[in-house]
Amino acid sequence: MRCPQCNCRDIGKIGANQYYCWGCFMEFNVAGEEVKVYEVAEDGSLVSVDEMTDCMECGSEVI
């Protein structure tokens, strides 16, 4: 298995269908064909990469 974010093979399993990439420090969940990638925030919470992309797109419209 490879990380969907950086394609690194250095990943570890942290739970049922949950993995952590030591290459880019992202967590991801695999459910069938669906893969969701999360950034680990400073407080330990998970922030969806999709949500971060949406926020950046909104921010670029303002500029």
N, C-alpha and C. Protein backbone atom coordinates (compact mmCIF):
# COMPACT_ATOMS: atom_id res chain seq x y z
N MET A 1 0.84 -1.18 0.00
CA MET A 1 0.00 0.00 0.00
C MET A 1 0.89 1.24 0.00
N ARG A 2 0.41 2.27 -0.67
CA ARG A 2 1.13 3.55 -0.75
C ARG A 2 0.22 4.68 -0.27
N CYS A 3 0.86 5.73 0.21
CA CYS A 3 0.13 6.91 0.65
C CYS A 3 -0.53 7.59 -0.55
N PRO A 4 -1.82 7.94 -0.45
CA PRO A 4 -2.48 8.61 -1.57
C PRO A 4 -2.02 10.06 -1.74
N GLN A 5 -1.39 10.62 -0.73
CA GLN A 5 -0.94 12.01 -0.79
C GLN A 5 0.45 12.15 -1.43
N CYS A 6 1.42 11.33 -0.96
CA CYS A 6 2.81 11.49 -1.42
C CYS A 6 3.37 10.24 -2.09
N ASN A 7 2.59 9.17 -2.14
CA ASN A 7 2.98 7.91 -2.77
C ASN A 7 4.08 7.16 -2.01
N CYS A 8 4.31 7.50 -0.77
CA CYS A 8 5.32 6.87 0.07
C CYS A 8 4.83 5.50 0.55
N ARG A 9 5.75 4.57 0.72
CA ARG A 9 5.40 3.24 1.23
C ARG A 9 5.55 3.13 2.75
N ASP A 10 6.10 4.15 3.39
CA ASP A 10 6.38 4.12 4.82
C ASP A 10 5.13 4.52 5.60
N ILE A 11 4.16 3.61 5.67
CA ILE A 11 2.91 3.89 6.36
C ILE A 11 2.70 2.88 7.47
N GLY A 12 1.92 3.27 8.45
CA GLY A 12 1.59 2.38 9.55
C GLY A 12 0.10 2.34 9.77
N LYS A 13 -0.38 1.23 10.26
CA LYS A 13 -1.81 1.08 10.54
C LYS A 13 -2.08 1.56 11.95
N ILE A 14 -3.05 2.46 12.11
CA ILE A 14 -3.37 3.00 13.43
C ILE A 14 -4.75 2.60 13.91
N GLY A 15 -5.52 1.97 13.07
CA GLY A 15 -6.85 1.52 13.45
C GLY A 15 -7.48 0.76 12.30
N ALA A 16 -8.75 0.42 12.48
CA ALA A 16 -9.48 -0.29 11.43
C ALA A 16 -9.60 0.62 10.21
N ASN A 17 -8.93 0.25 9.13
CA ASN A 17 -8.95 1.01 7.87
C ASN A 17 -8.36 2.41 8.01
N GLN A 18 -7.55 2.66 9.05
CA GLN A 18 -6.91 3.96 9.25
C GLN A 18 -5.40 3.79 9.22
N TYR A 19 -4.73 4.70 8.51
CA TYR A 19 -3.29 4.60 8.30
C TYR A 19 -2.63 5.96 8.51
N TYR A 20 -1.33 5.93 8.83
CA TYR A 20 -0.54 7.14 9.02
C TYR A 20 0.68 7.06 8.11
N CYS A 21 0.96 8.13 7.40
CA CYS A 21 2.12 8.18 6.50
C CYS A 21 3.26 8.92 7.20
N TRP A 22 4.40 8.26 7.29
CA TRP A 22 5.59 8.88 7.90
C TRP A 22 6.31 9.77 6.90
N GLY A 23 5.94 9.73 5.64
CA GLY A 23 6.57 10.57 4.63
C GLY A 23 6.02 11.98 4.62
N CYS A 24 4.69 12.11 4.70
CA CYS A 24 4.05 13.43 4.65
C CYS A 24 3.26 13.75 5.92
N PHE A 25 3.28 12.82 6.90
CA PHE A 25 2.64 13.01 8.21
C PHE A 25 1.13 13.23 8.10
N MET A 26 0.51 12.54 7.16
CA MET A 26 -0.94 12.61 6.98
C MET A 26 -1.57 11.30 7.42
N GLU A 27 -2.82 11.38 7.85
CA GLU A 27 -3.60 10.18 8.13
C GLU A 27 -4.57 9.99 6.97
N PHE A 28 -4.91 8.73 6.71
CA PHE A 28 -5.93 8.49 5.70
C PHE A 28 -6.75 7.26 6.06
N ASN A 29 -8.01 7.29 5.62
CA ASN A 29 -8.95 6.20 5.82
C ASN A 29 -9.26 5.57 4.48
N VAL A 30 -9.39 4.26 4.48
CA VAL A 30 -9.73 3.53 3.26
C VAL A 30 -11.03 2.78 3.52
N ALA A 31 -12.04 3.05 2.70
CA ALA A 31 -13.33 2.35 2.79
C ALA A 31 -13.72 1.94 1.38
N GLY A 32 -13.38 0.72 1.02
CA GLY A 32 -13.65 0.25 -0.34
C GLY A 32 -12.79 1.01 -1.32
N GLU A 33 -13.42 1.70 -2.26
CA GLU A 33 -12.70 2.51 -3.25
C GLU A 33 -12.49 3.94 -2.78
N GLU A 34 -13.13 4.33 -1.67
CA GLU A 34 -13.06 5.71 -1.19
C GLU A 34 -11.89 5.89 -0.22
N VAL A 35 -11.08 6.91 -0.46
CA VAL A 35 -9.95 7.24 0.40
C VAL A 35 -10.09 8.69 0.83
N LYS A 36 -10.02 8.93 2.14
CA LYS A 36 -10.08 10.29 2.67
C LYS A 36 -8.76 10.58 3.37
N VAL A 37 -8.18 11.75 3.07
CA VAL A 37 -6.89 12.13 3.61
C VAL A 37 -7.09 13.27 4.61
N TYR A 38 -6.39 13.19 5.74
CA TYR A 38 -6.50 14.17 6.82
C TYR A 38 -5.13 14.66 7.24
N GLU A 39 -5.05 15.95 7.58
CA GLU A 39 -3.85 16.50 8.20
C GLU A 39 -4.07 16.47 9.71
N VAL A 40 -3.03 16.14 10.45
CA VAL A 40 -3.11 16.12 11.90
C VAL A 40 -2.79 17.53 12.39
N ALA A 41 -3.76 18.18 13.05
CA ALA A 41 -3.58 19.54 13.56
C ALA A 41 -2.71 19.52 14.81
N GLU A 42 -2.29 20.70 15.25
CA GLU A 42 -1.44 20.82 16.43
C GLU A 42 -2.08 20.23 17.67
N ASP A 43 -3.41 20.34 17.78
CA ASP A 43 -4.10 19.82 18.96
C ASP A 43 -4.44 18.34 18.83
N GLY A 44 -4.01 17.70 17.74
CA GLY A 44 -4.24 16.28 17.55
C GLY A 44 -5.50 15.95 16.78
N SER A 45 -6.31 16.96 16.49
CA SER A 45 -7.53 16.71 15.72
C SER A 45 -7.18 16.51 14.25
N LEU A 46 -8.11 15.94 13.52
CA LEU A 46 -7.90 15.68 12.09
C LEU A 46 -8.67 16.69 11.26
N VAL A 47 -8.00 17.26 10.26
CA VAL A 47 -8.62 18.22 9.34
C VAL A 47 -8.58 17.60 7.95
N SER A 48 -9.74 17.46 7.35
CA SER A 48 -9.83 16.86 6.02
C SER A 48 -9.08 17.72 5.01
N VAL A 49 -8.29 17.08 4.17
CA VAL A 49 -7.56 17.80 3.12
C VAL A 49 -8.55 18.43 2.15
N ASP A 50 -9.70 17.80 1.91
CA ASP A 50 -10.73 18.36 1.03
C ASP A 50 -11.24 19.68 1.59
N GLU A 51 -11.46 19.74 2.92
CA GLU A 51 -11.93 20.97 3.55
C GLU A 51 -10.89 22.07 3.43
N MET A 52 -9.61 21.71 3.60
CA MET A 52 -8.54 22.69 3.49
C MET A 52 -8.48 23.25 2.07
N THR A 53 -8.67 22.40 1.07
CA THR A 53 -8.65 22.83 -0.32
C THR A 53 -9.81 23.77 -0.59
N ASP A 54 -11.00 23.44 -0.06
CA ASP A 54 -12.17 24.30 -0.23
C ASP A 54 -11.92 25.66 0.38
N CYS A 55 -11.31 25.71 1.57
CA CYS A 55 -11.03 26.98 2.25
C CYS A 55 -10.03 27.81 1.45
N MET A 56 -9.01 27.17 0.90
CA MET A 56 -8.01 27.89 0.11
C MET A 56 -8.63 28.45 -1.16
N GLU A 57 -9.55 27.70 -1.78
CA GLU A 57 -10.21 28.18 -2.99
C GLU A 57 -11.08 29.39 -2.66
N CYS A 58 -11.78 29.36 -1.53
CA CYS A 58 -12.60 30.50 -1.12
C CYS A 58 -11.72 31.71 -0.86
N GLY A 59 -10.58 31.48 -0.22
CA GLY A 59 -9.65 32.57 0.07
C GLY A 59 -9.09 33.20 -1.18
N SER A 60 -8.86 32.41 -2.21
CA SER A 60 -8.28 32.95 -3.45
C SER A 60 -9.30 33.81 -4.20
N GLU A 61 -10.60 33.56 -3.99
CA GLU A 61 -11.61 34.36 -4.65
C GLU A 61 -11.66 35.77 -4.08
N VAL A 62 -11.33 35.91 -2.80
CA VAL A 62 -11.38 37.20 -2.13
C VAL A 62 -10.26 38.10 -2.63
N ILE A 63 -9.12 37.52 -2.95
CA ILE A 63 -7.94 38.32 -3.33
C ILE A 63 -8.11 38.95 -4.67
